[in-house]
Amino acid sequence: MNNHEIALKFSGVSKAFGQVVALDDFDLTLQQGELVTLLGPSGCGKTTALRIAAGFERPNSGSVFVKDKDVTSLPAHTRNMGMVFQNYSLFPHMTVAENVGFGLRVRGVDAAERDMLVVEAVSRVRLAGLEGRYPHQLSGGQQQRVALARALVFQPEVLLLDEPLSALDAKVREELRDEIRTLQRDAGIGAIFVTHDQDEALNISDRVCVMKDGKIQQIGSPRDIYLRPVNGFVARFIGAMNVIDIQFSPQNKPLIAGVELDSSITGQVGSVAQILVRPDAVSLCQRGTFGSIDGTVVGEHFSGATTILRIRLDRAEVTISAMLVSRNVQLNVGDGVGVVVDPNEVLLDSQN
């Protein structure tokens, strides 16, 4: 990745549709060769940002730059951006080769060069031999590969991907996600990837931009977003999260079900609050172990690589999740356990 060359920049971009504010003073810089994911719930503004970058929407205020050029007022077809849509948007009456080469033909690329570029792009997305097929003769994954080849064939300045994997089944989705990442890196193109899938964002991104109500909540590496969320919204939105009631002791230490947690978080003595902690920061031990919180197993979720146990804390009105890290440990519903919360992985709850 080239950390010095800007591929795309949003500067103070705002957009409203009537009384609904879709983007509010949106600032984001995409480096050349970087993939940034816009992540958030429906209506947070991520697709609006993508459409403004592409030129399909005009902001009410602010500017959009491609490299050092202000493209805010330029029409979409002059921005040299590759776009991959959720629903593929292929021409049903065109073959694979014709779909991939359509943008080149519009740009006036001569037939010989166009054919060469199409063959190269189709091969790159592993569809060689299918050039003569029509979209209805392809699987969903193959259709999305055609859309990807069409977006990359003319070597765009920026690649924009609007939830491109949401219509695919889990196995194909994972496979194509990795292919998109490899193709984007090999091409050295800056890419904006829009999704509401947290796992997808964590797996594919150089940086993740978490959004809510048109505003950026946090931008950072997947690791930073997951391990060091800046507020309760980010913490709750990224991955599973336990919400646990605490009370502050006379020594100003948080207590969970009467057990002191050696954490640096503070509050008013005697006051109650809530903490957020991920299942992988909750470990299990023998019931009655000093410093642990007694609980009872009430459920299990086995997913192959991991097992998540649901634990009902005996002295608190709460059920939490804990990750069982050893395959050699077998716990059943009804078994008593001790629960230990990692004090370094605790976040005082905030709904901001």
Protein backbone atom coordinates (compact mmCIF):
# COMPACT_ATOMS: atom_id res chain seq x y z
CA MET A 1 0.00 0.00 0.00
CA ASN A 2 1.19 3.48 -0.85
CA ASN A 3 0.59 5.47 2.34
CA HIS A 4 1.49 8.78 0.72
CA GLU A 5 -0.80 8.96 -2.30
CA ILE A 6 -4.47 9.79 -1.81
CA ALA A 7 -6.90 7.85 -3.99
CA LEU A 8 -10.16 9.37 -2.75
CA LYS A 9 -11.06 12.01 -0.18
CA PHE A 10 -14.32 13.19 1.35
CA SER A 11 -14.03 16.63 2.95
CA GLY A 12 -16.91 17.88 5.10
CA VAL A 13 -19.51 16.09 2.97
CA SER A 14 -23.13 16.44 4.08
CA LYS A 15 -26.28 15.17 2.39
CA ALA A 16 -29.94 15.40 3.38
CA PHE A 17 -33.04 13.96 1.74
CA GLY A 18 -35.78 16.29 2.89
CA GLN A 19 -35.64 16.32 6.68
CA VAL A 20 -33.53 13.15 6.83
CA VAL A 21 -29.80 13.76 7.24
CA ALA A 22 -27.99 10.91 5.47
CA LEU A 23 -24.43 12.24 5.90
CA ASP A 24 -23.26 14.82 8.41
CA ASP A 25 -19.84 16.47 7.93
CA PHE A 26 -18.31 13.25 6.58
CA ASP A 27 -14.49 13.22 6.39
CA LEU A 28 -12.59 10.21 5.06
CA THR A 29 -9.33 9.77 3.18
CA LEU A 30 -8.62 6.60 1.18
CA GLN A 31 -4.99 5.84 0.38
CA GLN A 32 -3.90 4.30 -2.91
CA GLY A 33 -4.02 0.51 -2.61
CA GLU A 34 -6.05 0.62 0.61
CA LEU A 35 -9.42 -1.03 1.22
CA VAL A 36 -11.69 0.83 3.63
CA THR A 37 -15.02 -0.63 4.67
CA LEU A 38 -18.01 1.54 5.54
CA LEU A 39 -19.86 -0.43 8.21
CA GLY A 40 -23.08 0.31 10.01
CA PRO A 41 -26.79 -0.45 10.29
CA SER A 42 -29.30 0.32 7.57
CA GLY A 43 -29.80 4.04 7.19
CA CYS A 44 -26.41 5.03 8.64
CA GLY A 45 -25.30 6.75 5.42
CA LYS A 46 -22.76 4.27 4.04
CA THR A 47 -24.44 3.74 0.67
CA THR A 48 -25.09 7.49 0.35
CA ALA A 49 -21.36 8.09 0.80
CA LEU A 50 -20.60 5.53 -1.90
CA ARG A 51 -23.11 7.06 -4.31
CA ILE A 52 -21.67 10.54 -3.72
CA ALA A 53 -18.18 9.18 -4.46
CA ALA A 54 -19.46 7.60 -7.66
CA GLY A 55 -21.24 10.77 -8.77
CA PHE A 56 -24.77 9.34 -8.54
CA GLU A 57 -25.66 11.83 -5.79
CA ARG A 58 -24.54 15.43 -5.29
CA PRO A 59 -23.71 16.52 -1.71
CA ASN A 60 -25.43 19.52 -0.16
CA SER A 61 -22.05 20.68 1.10
CA GLY A 62 -18.45 19.54 1.16
CA SER A 63 -16.16 18.20 -1.54
CA VAL A 64 -14.99 14.92 -3.06
CA PHE A 65 -11.49 14.55 -4.46
CA VAL A 66 -9.96 11.83 -6.64
CA LYS A 67 -6.22 12.14 -6.02
CA ASP A 68 -5.79 15.93 -6.02
CA LYS A 69 -8.72 16.69 -8.35
CA ASP A 70 -12.02 18.06 -7.08
CA VAL A 71 -14.70 15.90 -8.74
CA THR A 72 -17.67 17.07 -6.65
CA SER A 73 -19.51 18.60 -9.61
CA LEU A 74 -18.35 16.12 -12.26
CA PRO A 75 -20.83 13.58 -13.68
CA ALA A 76 -20.39 9.91 -12.86
CA HIS A 77 -19.12 8.81 -16.27
CA THR A 78 -16.11 11.18 -16.07
CA ARG A 79 -14.80 9.97 -12.67
CA ASN A 80 -13.07 6.78 -13.82
CA MET A 81 -14.45 4.67 -10.97
CA GLY A 82 -15.27 0.99 -11.04
CA MET A 83 -18.58 0.10 -9.39
CA VAL A 84 -19.75 -3.33 -8.22
CA PHE A 85 -23.39 -3.54 -7.14
CA GLN A 86 -25.23 -5.87 -4.79
CA ASN A 87 -27.55 -7.16 -7.54
CA TYR A 88 -24.78 -7.55 -10.19
CA SER A 89 -26.52 -5.17 -12.67
CA LEU A 90 -25.44 -7.20 -15.70
CA PHE A 91 -27.06 -6.75 -19.09
CA PRO A 92 -29.15 -9.93 -19.58
CA HIS A 93 -28.95 -9.79 -23.39
CA MET A 94 -25.13 -9.59 -23.37
CA THR A 95 -22.62 -12.40 -22.98
CA VAL A 96 -19.95 -12.43 -20.31
CA ALA A 97 -17.42 -10.94 -22.74
CA GLU A 98 -19.87 -8.27 -23.90
CA ASN A 99 -20.74 -7.30 -20.33
CA VAL A 100 -17.09 -7.02 -19.32
CA GLY A 101 -16.20 -5.05 -22.42
CA PHE A 102 -19.18 -2.69 -22.34
CA GLY A 103 -17.37 0.09 -20.47
CA LEU A 104 -14.40 -0.15 -22.80
CA ARG A 105 -16.67 0.16 -25.82
CA VAL A 106 -18.34 3.24 -24.32
CA ARG A 107 -14.87 4.74 -23.78
CA GLY A 108 -14.03 4.20 -27.45
CA VAL A 109 -11.34 1.55 -26.95
CA ASP A 110 -10.67 -0.14 -30.31
CA ALA A 111 -11.90 -3.69 -30.83
CA ALA A 112 -8.52 -5.43 -30.80
CA GLU A 113 -7.38 -3.85 -27.52
CA ARG A 114 -10.84 -4.31 -26.04
CA ASP A 115 -10.82 -8.03 -26.79
CA MET A 116 -7.37 -8.42 -25.25
CA LEU A 117 -8.38 -6.58 -22.07
CA VAL A 118 -11.60 -8.56 -21.78
CA VAL A 119 -9.80 -11.90 -22.08
CA GLU A 120 -7.32 -10.80 -19.43
CA ALA A 121 -10.04 -9.56 -17.04
CA VAL A 122 -12.20 -12.67 -17.47
CA SER A 123 -9.20 -14.89 -16.80
CA ARG A 124 -8.29 -12.87 -13.71
CA VAL A 125 -11.67 -13.62 -12.11
CA ARG A 126 -11.43 -17.31 -13.10
CA LEU A 127 -14.16 -17.32 -15.74
CA ALA A 128 -12.03 -18.27 -18.75
CA GLY A 129 -14.06 -20.46 -21.09
CA LEU A 130 -17.37 -18.86 -20.09
CA GLU A 131 -17.03 -15.73 -22.25
CA GLY A 132 -19.95 -16.74 -24.48
CA ARG A 133 -22.46 -17.45 -21.72
CA TYR A 134 -25.31 -15.17 -20.74
CA PRO A 135 -26.01 -14.07 -17.15
CA HIS A 136 -28.93 -16.48 -16.71
CA GLN A 137 -26.54 -19.35 -17.47
CA LEU A 138 -24.26 -18.41 -14.56
CA SER A 139 -24.43 -18.95 -10.81
CA GLY A 140 -24.70 -15.96 -8.47
CA GLY A 141 -21.00 -16.14 -7.67
CA GLN A 142 -20.09 -16.26 -11.35
CA GLN A 143 -22.32 -13.28 -12.10
CA GLN A 144 -20.62 -11.27 -9.38
CA ARG A 145 -17.23 -12.22 -10.83
CA VAL A 146 -18.41 -10.82 -14.18
CA ALA A 147 -19.42 -7.60 -12.42
CA LEU A 148 -16.02 -7.43 -10.76
CA ALA A 149 -14.19 -8.00 -14.05
CA ARG A 150 -16.30 -5.27 -15.67
CA ALA A 151 -15.34 -2.85 -12.88
CA LEU A 152 -11.62 -3.62 -13.09
CA VAL A 153 -11.12 -4.02 -16.83
CA PHE A 154 -10.52 -0.31 -17.56
CA GLN A 155 -8.12 0.15 -14.60
CA PRO A 156 -10.24 2.61 -12.58
CA GLU A 157 -8.82 5.15 -10.16
CA VAL A 158 -11.04 3.84 -7.34
CA LEU A 159 -13.08 0.66 -6.87
CA LEU A 160 -16.49 1.06 -5.18
CA LEU A 161 -18.28 -2.05 -3.88
CA ASP A 162 -21.86 -1.76 -2.62
CA GLU A 163 -22.61 -4.86 -0.52
CA PRO A 164 -21.37 -7.06 -3.39
CA LEU A 165 -21.58 -10.34 -1.45
CA SER A 166 -24.91 -10.06 0.35
CA ALA A 167 -26.85 -12.10 -2.22
CA LEU A 168 -24.49 -15.09 -2.10
CA ASP A 169 -24.48 -18.16 0.13
CA ALA A 170 -21.92 -18.37 2.94
CA LYS A 171 -19.30 -20.56 1.22
CA VAL A 172 -19.29 -18.60 -2.06
CA ARG A 173 -19.37 -15.36 -0.12
CA GLU A 174 -16.21 -16.22 1.80
CA GLU A 175 -14.41 -17.41 -1.33
CA LEU A 176 -15.32 -14.34 -3.38
CA ARG A 177 -14.48 -12.02 -0.48
CA ASP A 178 -10.91 -13.32 -0.49
CA GLU A 179 -10.72 -13.04 -4.29
CA ILE A 180 -11.88 -9.42 -4.21
CA ARG A 181 -9.20 -8.62 -1.66
CA THR A 182 -6.49 -10.33 -3.71
CA LEU A 183 -7.54 -8.65 -6.96
CA GLN A 184 -7.73 -5.23 -5.31
CA ARG A 185 -4.28 -5.61 -3.76
CA ASP A 186 -2.72 -6.90 -6.98
CA ALA A 187 -4.19 -4.00 -8.93
CA GLY A 188 -3.03 -1.48 -6.31
CA ILE A 189 -6.39 0.30 -6.46
CA GLY A 190 -7.97 2.11 -3.53
CA ALA A 191 -11.36 0.56 -2.70
CA ILE A 192 -14.42 1.52 -0.64
CA PHE A 193 -16.40 -1.54 0.46
CA VAL A 194 -19.90 -1.13 1.91
CA THR A 195 -21.39 -3.79 4.16
CA HIS A 196 -23.50 -4.28 7.28
CA ASP A 197 -21.75 -7.59 8.03
CA GLN A 198 -19.23 -7.18 10.86
CA ASP A 199 -17.30 -10.39 10.14
CA GLU A 200 -16.96 -9.40 6.50
CA ALA A 201 -15.62 -5.97 7.45
CA LEU A 202 -13.09 -7.37 9.91
CA ASN A 203 -11.82 -9.92 7.40
CA ILE A 204 -11.44 -7.82 4.26
CA SER A 205 -10.40 -4.35 5.43
CA ASP A 206 -7.25 -2.36 5.98
CA ARG A 207 -9.42 0.07 7.94
CA VAL A 208 -13.04 0.02 9.06
CA CYS A 209 -15.20 3.14 9.26
CA VAL A 210 -18.11 2.52 11.65
CA MET A 211 -21.09 4.79 11.00
CA LYS A 212 -24.30 5.74 12.77
CA ASP A 213 -26.93 8.29 11.75
CA GLY A 214 -24.73 9.78 9.05
CA LYS A 215 -21.77 10.31 11.36
CA ILE A 216 -18.47 8.48 11.68
CA GLN A 217 -18.19 6.83 15.09
CA GLN A 218 -14.70 5.37 14.69
CA ILE A 219 -12.12 4.72 11.97
CA GLY A 220 -9.34 2.24 12.58
CA SER A 221 -7.81 -1.10 11.78
CA PRO A 222 -10.06 -4.15 12.29
CA ARG A 223 -8.02 -5.00 15.39
CA ASP A 224 -8.45 -1.51 16.88
CA ILE A 225 -12.17 -1.43 16.13
CA TYR A 226 -12.70 -4.81 17.79
CA LEU A 227 -10.36 -4.51 20.77
CA ARG A 228 -10.50 -0.77 21.43
CA PRO A 229 -13.98 0.54 20.55
CA VAL A 230 -14.35 4.23 21.39
CA ASN A 231 -17.94 4.03 22.60
CA GLY A 232 -20.77 1.68 23.43
CA PHE A 233 -22.31 1.78 19.97
CA VAL A 234 -19.12 0.56 18.27
CA ALA A 235 -18.57 -2.04 20.98
CA ARG A 236 -22.09 -3.43 20.63
CA PHE A 237 -22.13 -3.31 16.83
CA ILE A 238 -18.83 -5.12 16.26
CA GLY A 239 -19.11 -8.76 17.29
CA ALA A 240 -20.86 -10.32 20.28
CA MET A 241 -20.87 -8.39 23.53
CA ASN A 242 -21.93 -9.15 27.10
CA VAL A 243 -23.69 -6.41 29.08
CA ILE A 244 -23.14 -6.86 32.81
CA ASP A 245 -24.45 -4.79 35.72
CA ILE A 246 -21.86 -3.53 38.21
CA GLN A 247 -21.86 -1.55 41.44
CA PHE A 248 -18.97 0.55 42.72
CA SER A 249 -17.60 -0.48 46.12
CA PRO A 250 -16.53 1.88 48.95
CA GLN A 251 -13.01 1.48 47.50
CA ASN A 252 -14.41 2.65 44.14
CA LYS A 253 -13.89 -0.77 42.56
CA PRO A 254 -16.50 -2.33 40.25
CA LEU A 255 -18.33 -5.32 41.73
CA ILE A 256 -19.99 -8.04 39.66
CA ALA A 257 -22.44 -10.01 41.79
CA GLY A 258 -20.44 -8.92 44.82
CA VAL A 259 -17.07 -10.01 43.38
CA GLU A 260 -14.49 -7.27 42.91
CA LEU A 261 -13.12 -6.71 39.41
CA ASP A 262 -9.57 -5.34 39.40
CA SER A 263 -10.30 -2.81 36.68
CA SER A 264 -9.27 0.82 36.24
CA ILE A 265 -12.83 1.96 35.51
CA THR A 266 -14.30 4.19 38.21
CA GLY A 267 -17.62 5.65 39.22
CA GLN A 268 -19.44 7.16 42.14
CA VAL A 269 -19.27 4.98 45.25
CA GLY A 270 -22.46 2.93 45.56
CA SER A 271 -23.66 3.81 42.07
CA VAL A 272 -24.62 1.21 39.50
CA ALA A 273 -23.55 1.03 35.86
CA GLN A 274 -23.04 -1.47 33.08
CA ILE A 275 -19.87 -2.83 31.55
CA LEU A 276 -19.32 -4.41 28.14
CA VAL A 277 -17.06 -7.43 27.72
CA ARG A 278 -16.66 -9.86 24.85
CA PRO A 279 -17.20 -13.62 25.25
CA ASP A 280 -13.53 -14.30 24.47
CA ALA A 281 -12.57 -12.13 27.47
CA VAL A 282 -14.63 -14.33 29.82
CA SER A 283 -12.89 -17.49 31.04
CA LEU A 284 -14.22 -20.40 33.05
CA CYS A 285 -12.83 -22.22 36.06
CA GLN A 286 -14.01 -24.52 38.83
CA ARG A 287 -16.99 -23.22 40.75
CA GLY A 288 -15.95 -21.60 44.03
CA THR A 289 -12.49 -20.56 42.83
CA PHE A 290 -11.32 -17.44 44.66
CA GLY A 291 -12.01 -14.28 42.66
CA SER A 292 -14.45 -15.99 40.30
CA ILE A 293 -18.20 -15.46 39.98
CA ASP A 294 -20.37 -18.54 40.50
CA GLY A 295 -22.69 -19.45 37.65
CA THR A 296 -24.57 -22.27 35.95
CA VAL A 297 -24.40 -23.39 32.33
CA VAL A 298 -27.81 -22.82 30.71
CA GLY A 299 -26.99 -23.18 27.02
CA GLU A 300 -24.40 -24.05 24.40
CA HIS A 301 -23.70 -22.89 20.85
CA PHE A 302 -21.28 -25.14 18.99
CA SER A 303 -19.94 -23.79 15.68
CA GLY A 304 -17.07 -26.17 14.99
CA ALA A 305 -14.05 -23.99 15.65
CA THR A 306 -15.51 -22.45 18.81
CA THR A 307 -18.03 -23.25 21.50
CA ILE A 308 -19.94 -20.46 23.22
CA LEU A 309 -21.53 -21.29 26.57
CA ARG A 310 -24.39 -19.33 28.09
CA ILE A 311 -23.80 -18.86 31.82
CA ARG A 312 -26.42 -17.70 34.31
CA LEU A 313 -24.68 -15.83 37.16
CA ASP A 314 -26.01 -17.04 40.48
CA ARG A 315 -26.12 -13.70 42.29
CA ALA A 316 -27.04 -11.46 39.38
CA GLU A 317 -30.04 -11.22 37.09
CA VAL A 318 -27.98 -11.76 33.97
CA THR A 319 -26.93 -14.49 31.54
CA ILE A 320 -23.60 -14.01 29.77
CA SER A 321 -21.66 -15.73 27.00
CA ALA A 322 -18.21 -17.24 27.47
CA MET A 323 -15.95 -18.82 24.88
CA LEU A 324 -14.81 -22.35 25.69
CA VAL A 325 -11.25 -22.44 24.37
CA SER A 326 -10.33 -26.06 25.13
CA ARG A 327 -11.88 -28.90 23.18
CA ASN A 328 -10.86 -31.25 25.97
CA VAL A 329 -13.28 -29.60 28.42
CA GLN A 330 -16.86 -30.84 28.27
CA LEU A 331 -19.50 -28.83 30.10
CA ASN A 332 -23.21 -29.59 30.02
CA VAL A 333 -26.34 -27.61 30.73
CA GLY A 334 -26.83 -27.55 34.49
CA ASP A 335 -23.13 -27.74 35.38
CA GLY A 336 -21.79 -25.21 37.88
CA VAL A 337 -18.79 -23.11 36.85
CA GLY A 338 -16.73 -20.16 37.98
CA VAL A 339 -16.59 -17.12 35.72
CA VAL A 340 -13.57 -14.81 35.47
CA VAL A 341 -13.79 -11.52 33.55
CA ASP A 342 -10.54 -10.12 32.14
CA PRO A 343 -10.33 -6.64 33.76
CA ASN A 344 -8.23 -5.32 30.87
CA GLU A 345 -10.98 -6.11 28.36
CA VAL A 346 -13.80 -4.22 30.09
CA LEU A 347 -15.47 -1.11 28.69
CA LEU A 348 -17.81 1.10 30.70
CA ASP A 349 -21.04 1.19 28.73
CA SER A 350 -21.99 4.23 26.71
CA GLN A 351 -24.84 4.48 24.24
CA ASN A 352 -23.16 7.28 22.23
